Amino acid sequence: MKKRMFSLLAGVSVLSGAIYLASQLGAQPPAAAPGGTAAPAQTKIALVNLAFVIKNYQKSVNYQNEIKGYVTDFQKKEKDQREALEKMAKDLQTTAATLPADVKAKKEKEIKDGSRALDDYKQDCNKFLAAKQEEQIVILYREIQDTATRLAGAANFEMVLHFNDATPGTPEYYSPMNVARKMGAGALMPLYVHQNLDISKYVVDTLNSGLPKPGPAPAPR
């Protein structure tokens, strides 16, 4: 397929890393322009791989597990109801010849009503899951945006751009599906990113450091 603003920077190590990035980017003095005057300062830009952040942000993982739990519960209930209807239909087929007409008609109506109710249940489940995922993705995006903004302020980045890509060095990075997706994307996709410009890990570390620590496991009964 969450309210929740995080602290300005949730950890000295993350803040130090962000400041280090800024210092590295600004370490070289500006080149002299023709005539001996200093060249204008360069714009400092950082990049965030949203796919990487979503994959490694624990709240996103929790959300995905939550959706999987809903799906499992819905599928079990739907399976139980469908099997009950199938049994009713099979029993009716076996005994139809011996049943009074009014009893047979009543059972047929029960099966038909049950089938309609099952269809309604499936539609309601799909609507619930869609609404839940929409809610979750907006929460995640706003938290990522807020964290990137805070890190940019700490490191003096003037612009933070996001993109979606597999992690370099993984089998997915050069998979035909990922390559075709990037080549067909109607947006700017980085062909090369210097490690000092990619603040994706800093965003993930800051987001994860702001989450509540898991409590102790319950004692065995």
C-alpha atoms as a PDB file:
ATOM      1  CA  MET A   1       0.000   0.000   0.000  1.00  0.00           C
ATOM      2  CA  LYS A   2       0.888   8.208  10.692  1.00  0.00           C
ATOM      3  CA  LYS A   3       0.374  11.832  11.848  1.00  0.00           C
ATOM      4  CA  ARG A   4       3.432  12.617  12.867  1.00  0.00           C
ATOM      5  CA  MET A   5       5.929  15.202  12.485  1.00  0.00           C
ATOM      6  CA  PHE A   6       9.463  14.278  13.421  1.00  0.00           C
ATOM      7  CA  SER A   7      11.927  16.306  15.532  1.00  0.00           C
ATOM      8  CA  LEU A   8      14.189  18.792  13.756  1.00  0.00           C
ATOM      9  CA  LEU A   9      16.963  16.238  13.427  1.00  0.00           C
ATOM     10  CA  ALA A  10      16.629  13.015  15.334  1.00  0.00           C
ATOM     11  CA  GLY A  11      20.260  12.308  16.110  1.00  0.00           C
ATOM     12  CA  VAL A  12      23.585  14.102  16.275  1.00  0.00           C
ATOM     13  CA  SER A  13      25.146  11.617  13.864  1.00  0.00           C
ATOM     14  CA  VAL A  14      22.599  12.386  11.135  1.00  0.00           C
ATOM     15  CA  LEU A  15      22.987  16.131  11.608  1.00  0.00           C
ATOM     16  CA  SER A  16      26.760  15.809  11.519  1.00  0.00           C
ATOM     17  CA  GLY A  17      26.517  13.795   8.320  1.00  0.00           C
ATOM     18  CA  ALA A  18      24.300  16.398   6.683  1.00  0.00           C
ATOM     19  CA  ILE A  19      26.660  19.221   7.678  1.00  0.00           C
ATOM     20  CA  TYR A  20      29.587  17.165   6.368  1.00  0.00           C
ATOM     21  CA  LEU A  21      27.840  16.862   3.016  1.00  0.00           C
ATOM     22  CA  ALA A  22      27.449  20.597   2.817  1.00  0.00           C
ATOM     23  CA  SER A  23      31.076  21.191   3.745  1.00  0.00           C
ATOM     24  CA  GLN A  24      32.271  18.768   1.074  1.00  0.00           C
ATOM     25  CA  LEU A  25      30.128  20.364  -1.612  1.00  0.00           C
ATOM     26  CA  GLY A  26      31.338  23.811  -0.685  1.00  0.00           C
ATOM     27  CA  ALA A  27      34.955  22.905  -0.003  1.00  0.00           C
ATOM     28  CA  GLN A  28      36.332  24.068  -3.354  1.00  0.00           C
ATOM     29  CA  PRO A  29      36.723  27.838  -3.751  1.00  0.00           C
ATOM     30  CA  PRO A  30      34.821  29.403  -6.647  1.00  0.00           C
ATOM     31  CA  ALA A  31      36.766  29.600  -9.857  1.00  0.00           C
ATOM     32  CA  ALA A  32      37.803  33.024 -11.009  1.00  0.00           C
ATOM     33  CA  ALA A  33      35.743  34.447 -13.821  1.00  0.00           C
ATOM     34  CA  PRO A  34      37.323  36.331 -16.722  1.00  0.00           C
ATOM     35  CA  GLY A  35      38.692  39.621 -15.465  1.00  0.00           C
ATOM     36  CA  GLY A  36      39.681  38.239 -12.070  1.00  0.00           C
ATOM     37  CA  THR A  37      36.264  38.473 -10.418  1.00  0.00           C
ATOM     38  CA  ALA A  38      34.895  35.529  -8.467  1.00  0.00           C
ATOM     39  CA  ALA A  39      32.353  33.329 -10.236  1.00  0.00           C
ATOM     40  CA  PRO A  40      28.836  33.242  -8.760  1.00  0.00           C
ATOM     41  CA  ALA A  41      28.243  30.619  -6.087  1.00  0.00           C
ATOM     42  CA  GLN A  42      26.909  27.356  -7.441  1.00  0.00           C
ATOM     43  CA  THR A  43      23.476  26.075  -6.518  1.00  0.00           C
ATOM     44  CA  LYS A  44      23.632  23.165  -4.071  1.00  0.00           C
ATOM     45  CA  ILE A  45      21.284  20.359  -5.067  1.00  0.00           C
ATOM     46  CA  ALA A  46      20.559  17.065  -3.333  1.00  0.00           C
ATOM     47  CA  LEU A  47      18.711  13.998  -4.580  1.00  0.00           C
ATOM     48  CA  VAL A  48      16.417  11.588  -2.752  1.00  0.00           C
ATOM     49  CA  ASN A  49      15.574   8.137  -4.107  1.00  0.00           C
ATOM     50  CA  LEU A  50      11.958   7.735  -2.992  1.00  0.00           C
ATOM     51  CA  ALA A  51      11.940   4.022  -3.793  1.00  0.00           C
ATOM     52  CA  PHE A  52      14.946   3.518  -1.514  1.00  0.00           C
ATOM     53  CA  VAL A  53      13.372   5.549   1.293  1.00  0.00           C
ATOM     54  CA  ILE A  54      10.015   3.782   1.068  1.00  0.00           C
ATOM     55  CA  LYS A  55      11.739   0.390   1.081  1.00  0.00           C
ATOM     56  CA  ASN A  56      13.893   1.151   4.131  1.00  0.00           C
ATOM     57  CA  TYR A  57      11.646   3.404   6.228  1.00  0.00           C
ATOM     58  CA  GLN A  58      10.273   1.191   8.996  1.00  0.00           C
ATOM     59  CA  LYS A  59       6.916   2.955   9.098  1.00  0.00           C
ATOM     60  CA  SER A  60       6.441   2.148   5.417  1.00  0.00           C
ATOM     61  CA  VAL A  61       7.292  -1.488   6.139  1.00  0.00           C
ATOM     62  CA  ASN A  62       4.782  -1.460   9.003  1.00  0.00           C
ATOM     63  CA  TYR A  63       2.127  -0.010   6.697  1.00  0.00           C
ATOM     64  CA  GLN A  64       2.748  -2.732   4.122  1.00  0.00           C
ATOM     65  CA  ASN A  65       2.446  -5.412   6.794  1.00  0.00           C
ATOM     66  CA  GLU A  66      -0.766  -3.782   8.014  1.00  0.00           C
ATOM     67  CA  ILE A  67      -2.253  -3.946   4.517  1.00  0.00           C
ATOM     68  CA  LYS A  68      -1.156  -7.575   4.159  1.00  0.00           C
ATOM     69  CA  GLY A  69      -2.903  -8.334   7.453  1.00  0.00           C
ATOM     70  CA  TYR A  70      -6.142  -6.770   6.224  1.00  0.00           C
ATOM     71  CA  VAL A  71      -5.916  -8.698   2.952  1.00  0.00           C
ATOM     72  CA  THR A  72      -5.334 -11.974   4.779  1.00  0.00           C
ATOM     73  CA  ASP A  73      -8.330 -11.404   7.060  1.00  0.00           C
ATOM     74  CA  PHE A  74     -10.583 -10.339   4.195  1.00  0.00           C
ATOM     75  CA  GLN A  75      -9.572 -13.292   2.043  1.00  0.00           C
ATOM     76  CA  LYS A  76     -10.215 -15.753   4.878  1.00  0.00           C
ATOM     77  CA  LYS A  77     -13.667 -14.365   5.540  1.00  0.00           C
ATOM     78  CA  GLU A  78     -14.479 -14.314   1.828  1.00  0.00           C
ATOM     79  CA  LYS A  79     -13.263 -17.927   1.475  1.00  0.00           C
ATOM     80  CA  ASP A  80     -15.374 -19.084   4.444  1.00  0.00           C
ATOM     81  CA  GLN A  81     -18.483 -17.378   3.079  1.00  0.00           C
ATOM     82  CA  ARG A  82     -17.950 -18.729  -0.436  1.00  0.00           C
ATOM     83  CA  GLU A  83     -17.467 -22.283   0.853  1.00  0.00           C
ATOM     84  CA  ALA A  84     -20.635 -21.971   2.948  1.00  0.00           C
ATOM     85  CA  LEU A  85     -22.602 -20.875  -0.133  1.00  0.00           C
ATOM     86  CA  GLU A  86     -21.149 -23.681  -2.219  1.00  0.00           C
ATOM     87  CA  LYS A  87     -22.189 -26.192   0.445  1.00  0.00           C
ATOM     88  CA  MET A  88     -25.702 -24.741   0.541  1.00  0.00           C
ATOM     89  CA  ALA A  89     -25.953 -25.017  -3.251  1.00  0.00           C
ATOM     90  CA  LYS A  90     -24.652 -28.592  -3.230  1.00  0.00           C
ATOM     91  CA  ASP A  91     -27.067 -29.627  -0.466  1.00  0.00           C
ATOM     92  CA  LEU A  92     -29.958 -28.026  -2.328  1.00  0.00           C
ATOM     93  CA  GLN A  93     -29.033 -29.822  -5.521  1.00  0.00           C
ATOM     94  CA  THR A  94     -28.983 -33.128  -3.654  1.00  0.00           C
ATOM     95  CA  THR A  95     -32.323 -32.654  -1.898  1.00  0.00           C
ATOM     96  CA  ALA A  96     -34.195 -30.491  -4.390  1.00  0.00           C
ATOM     97  CA  ALA A  97     -36.362 -33.341  -5.656  1.00  0.00           C
ATOM     98  CA  THR A  98     -37.725 -34.095  -2.170  1.00  0.00           C
ATOM     99  CA  LEU A  99     -38.251 -30.528  -0.952  1.00  0.00           C
ATOM    100  CA  PRO A 100     -41.601 -28.708  -1.027  1.00  0.00           C
ATOM    101  CA  ALA A 101     -41.658 -25.931  -3.588  1.00  0.00           C
ATOM    102  CA  ASP A 102     -41.788 -23.137  -0.999  1.00  0.00           C
ATOM    103  CA  VAL A 103     -38.827 -24.561   0.962  1.00  0.00           C
ATOM    104  CA  LYS A 104     -36.808 -24.966  -2.227  1.00  0.00           C
ATOM    105  CA  ALA A 105     -37.604 -21.396  -3.272  1.00  0.00           C
ATOM    106  CA  LYS A 106     -36.571 -20.105   0.163  1.00  0.00           C
ATOM    107  CA  LYS A 107     -33.213 -21.905   0.017  1.00  0.00           C
ATOM    108  CA  GLU A 108     -32.565 -20.661  -3.508  1.00  0.00           C
ATOM    109  CA  LYS A 109     -33.256 -17.109  -2.325  1.00  0.00           C
ATOM    110  CA  GLU A 110     -30.865 -17.561   0.620  1.00  0.00           C
ATOM    111  CA  ILE A 111     -28.115 -18.672  -1.741  1.00  0.00           C
ATOM    112  CA  LYS A 112     -28.759 -15.790  -4.144  1.00  0.00           C
ATOM    113  CA  ASP A 113     -28.849 -13.223  -1.313  1.00  0.00           C
ATOM    114  CA  GLY A 114     -25.683 -14.704   0.162  1.00  0.00           C
ATOM    115  CA  SER A 115     -23.912 -14.451  -3.177  1.00  0.00           C
ATOM    116  CA  ARG A 116     -24.900 -10.792  -3.539  1.00  0.00           C
ATOM    117  CA  ALA A 117     -23.789 -10.099   0.017  1.00  0.00           C
ATOM    118  CA  LEU A 118     -20.428 -11.709  -0.740  1.00  0.00           C
ATOM    119  CA  ASP A 119     -19.994  -9.518  -3.821  1.00  0.00           C
ATOM    120  CA  ASP A 120     -20.829  -6.434  -1.727  1.00  0.00           C
ATOM    121  CA  TYR A 121     -18.343  -7.528   0.935  1.00  0.00           C
ATOM    122  CA  LYS A 122     -15.552  -7.886  -1.628  1.00  0.00           C
ATOM    123  CA  GLN A 123     -16.302  -4.433  -3.037  1.00  0.00           C
ATOM    124  CA  ASP A 124     -16.315  -2.908   0.446  1.00  0.00           C
ATOM    125  CA  CYS A 125     -12.963  -4.553   1.203  1.00  0.00           C
ATOM    126  CA  ASN A 126     -11.429  -3.189  -1.986  1.00  0.00           C
ATOM    127  CA  LYS A 127     -12.704   0.312  -1.216  1.00  0.00           C
ATOM    128  CA  PHE A 128     -11.340   0.107   2.331  1.00  0.00           C
ATOM    129  CA  LEU A 129      -7.909  -1.057   1.138  1.00  0.00           C
ATOM    130  CA  ALA A 130      -7.726   1.656  -1.535  1.00  0.00           C
ATOM    131  CA  ALA A 131      -8.652   4.381   0.960  1.00  0.00           C
ATOM    132  CA  LYS A 132      -6.168   3.030   3.511  1.00  0.00           C
ATOM    133  CA  GLN A 133      -3.327   2.953   1.016  1.00  0.00           C
ATOM    134  CA  GLU A 134      -4.140   6.464  -0.189  1.00  0.00           C
ATOM    135  CA  GLU A 135      -4.034   7.689   3.400  1.00  0.00           C
ATOM    136  CA  GLN A 136      -0.732   5.937   4.057  1.00  0.00           C
ATOM    137  CA  ILE A 137       1.051   7.182   0.931  1.00  0.00           C
ATOM    138  CA  VAL A 138       0.136  10.800   1.673  1.00  0.00           C
ATOM    139  CA  ILE A 139       1.439  10.462   5.249  1.00  0.00           C
ATOM    140  CA  LEU A 140       4.687   8.893   4.050  1.00  0.00           C
ATOM    141  CA  TYR A 141       5.238  11.524   1.357  1.00  0.00           C
ATOM    142  CA  ARG A 142       4.667  14.408   3.746  1.00  0.00           C
ATOM    143  CA  GLU A 143       7.050  12.934   6.324  1.00  0.00           C
ATOM    144  CA  ILE A 144       9.723  12.373   3.672  1.00  0.00           C
ATOM    145  CA  GLN A 145       9.228  15.893   2.329  1.00  0.00           C
ATOM    146  CA  ASP A 146       9.433  17.393   5.819  1.00  0.00           C
ATOM    147  CA  THR A 147      12.590  15.441   6.656  1.00  0.00           C
ATOM    148  CA  ALA A 148      14.279  16.354   3.363  1.00  0.00           C
ATOM    149  CA  THR A 149      13.404  20.005   3.976  1.00  0.00           C
ATOM    150  CA  ARG A 150      14.969  19.913   7.451  1.00  0.00           C
ATOM    151  CA  LEU A 151      18.110  18.193   6.202  1.00  0.00           C
ATOM    152  CA  ALA A 152      18.372  20.696   3.346  1.00  0.00           C
ATOM    153  CA  GLY A 153      18.197  23.546   5.820  1.00  0.00           C
ATOM    154  CA  ALA A 154      20.935  22.008   7.969  1.00  0.00           C
ATOM    155  CA  ALA A 155      23.224  21.340   5.001  1.00  0.00           C
ATOM    156  CA  ASN A 156      22.401  24.521   3.042  1.00  0.00           C
ATOM    157  CA  PHE A 157      21.000  22.684   0.053  1.00  0.00           C
ATOM    158  CA  GLU A 158      18.974  25.048  -2.104  1.00  0.00           C
ATOM    159  CA  MET A 159      17.017  22.310  -3.880  1.00  0.00           C
ATOM    160  CA  VAL A 160      16.134  18.675  -3.178  1.00  0.00           C
ATOM    161  CA  LEU A 161      14.842  16.600  -6.085  1.00  0.00           C
ATOM    162  CA  HIS A 162      13.359  13.130  -5.808  1.00  0.00           C
ATOM    163  CA  PHE A 163      13.429  10.188  -8.198  1.00  0.00           C
ATOM    164  CA  ASN A 164      12.570   6.476  -8.115  1.00  0.00           C
ATOM    165  CA  ASP A 165      15.133   3.843  -8.922  1.00  0.00           C
ATOM    166  CA  ALA A 166      16.474   0.508  -7.756  1.00  0.00           C
ATOM    167  CA  THR A 167      19.591   0.625  -5.609  1.00  0.00           C
ATOM    168  CA  PRO A 168      22.802   0.636  -7.708  1.00  0.00           C
ATOM    169  CA  GLY A 169      24.684  -2.644  -7.408  1.00  0.00           C
ATOM    170  CA  THR A 170      21.554  -4.748  -6.969  1.00  0.00           C
ATOM    171  CA  PRO A 171      20.246  -7.191  -9.617  1.00  0.00           C
ATOM    172  CA  GLU A 172      17.116  -5.030  -9.997  1.00  0.00           C
ATOM    173  CA  TYR A 173      19.127  -1.984 -11.071  1.00  0.00           C
ATOM    174  CA  TYR A 174      19.863  -3.278 -14.590  1.00  0.00           C
ATOM    175  CA  SER A 175      16.821  -5.512 -14.870  1.00  0.00           C
ATOM    176  CA  PRO A 176      14.974  -5.076 -18.200  1.00  0.00           C
ATOM    177  CA  MET A 177      11.849  -3.914 -16.354  1.00  0.00           C
ATOM    178  CA  ASN A 178      13.681  -1.195 -14.418  1.00  0.00           C
ATOM    179  CA  VAL A 179      15.683  -0.026 -17.441  1.00  0.00           C
ATOM    180  CA  ALA A 180      12.554   0.140 -19.609  1.00  0.00           C
ATOM    181  CA  ARG A 181      10.713   2.043 -16.880  1.00  0.00           C
ATOM    182  CA  LYS A 182      13.469   4.660 -16.665  1.00  0.00           C
ATOM    183  CA  MET A 183      13.820   5.037 -20.421  1.00  0.00           C
ATOM    184  CA  GLY A 184      10.082   5.541 -20.761  1.00  0.00           C
ATOM    185  CA  ALA A 185       9.736   7.901 -17.823  1.00  0.00           C
ATOM    186  CA  GLY A 186       8.412  11.333 -18.715  1.00  0.00           C
ATOM    187  CA  ALA A 187      10.692  12.993 -16.179  1.00  0.00           C
ATOM    188  CA  LEU A 188      14.348  13.607 -15.403  1.00  0.00           C
ATOM    189  CA  MET A 189      16.073  10.389 -14.334  1.00  0.00           C
ATOM    190  CA  PRO A 190      19.679  10.729 -13.108  1.00  0.00           C
ATOM    191  CA  LEU A 191      22.187   8.761 -15.175  1.00  0.00           C
ATOM    192  CA  TYR A 192      24.866   9.468 -12.595  1.00  0.00           C
ATOM    193  CA  VAL A 193      24.645  10.762  -9.033  1.00  0.00           C
ATOM    194  CA  HIS A 194      27.677  11.683  -6.950  1.00  0.00           C
ATOM    195  CA  GLN A 195      27.426  10.055  -3.541  1.00  0.00           C
ATOM    196  CA  ASN A 196      27.590  13.442  -1.816  1.00  0.00           C
ATOM    197  CA  LEU A 197      24.419  14.542  -3.591  1.00  0.00           C
ATOM    198  CA  ASP A 198      22.348  11.495  -2.613  1.00  0.00           C
ATOM    199  CA  ILE A 199      20.868  12.122   0.825  1.00  0.00           C
ATOM    200  CA  SER A 200      18.452   9.178   0.670  1.00  0.00           C
ATOM    201  CA  LYS A 201      20.166   7.307   3.508  1.00  0.00           C
ATOM    202  CA  TYR A 202      20.218  10.410   5.708  1.00  0.00           C
ATOM    203  CA  VAL A 203      16.485  10.801   5.125  1.00  0.00           C
ATOM    204  CA  VAL A 204      15.878   7.147   6.051  1.00  0.00           C
ATOM    205  CA  ASP A 205      18.077   7.356   9.156  1.00  0.00           C
ATOM    206  CA  THR A 206      16.338  10.518  10.324  1.00  0.00           C
ATOM    207  CA  LEU A 207      12.868   9.081   9.739  1.00  0.00           C
ATOM    208  CA  ASN A 208      13.656   5.795  11.482  1.00  0.00           C
ATOM    209  CA  SER A 209      15.328   7.511  14.426  1.00  0.00           C
ATOM    210  CA  GLY A 210      12.086   9.415  15.075  1.00  0.00           C
ATOM    211  CA  LEU A 211       9.979   6.273  15.437  1.00  0.00           C
ATOM    212  CA  PRO A 212       9.110   4.927  18.906  1.00  0.00           C
ATOM    213  CA  LYS A 213      11.399   2.160  20.029  1.00  0.00           C
ATOM    214  CA  PRO A 214       9.716  -1.265  20.082  1.00  0.00           C
ATOM    215  CA  GLY A 215       8.721  -2.378  23.553  1.00  0.00           C
ATOM    216  CA  PRO A 216       9.900  -5.601  25.191  1.00  0.00           C
ATOM    217  CA  ALA A 217       8.445  -8.842  23.936  1.00  0.00           C
ATOM    218  CA  PRO A 218       5.572 -10.155  26.051  1.00  0.00           C
ATOM    219  CA  ALA A 219       6.509 -12.801  28.579  1.00  0.00           C
ATOM    220  CA  PRO A 220       5.569 -16.352  27.564  1.00  0.00           C
ATOM    221  CA  ARG A 221       2.403 -17.665  29.173  1.00  0.00           C
END
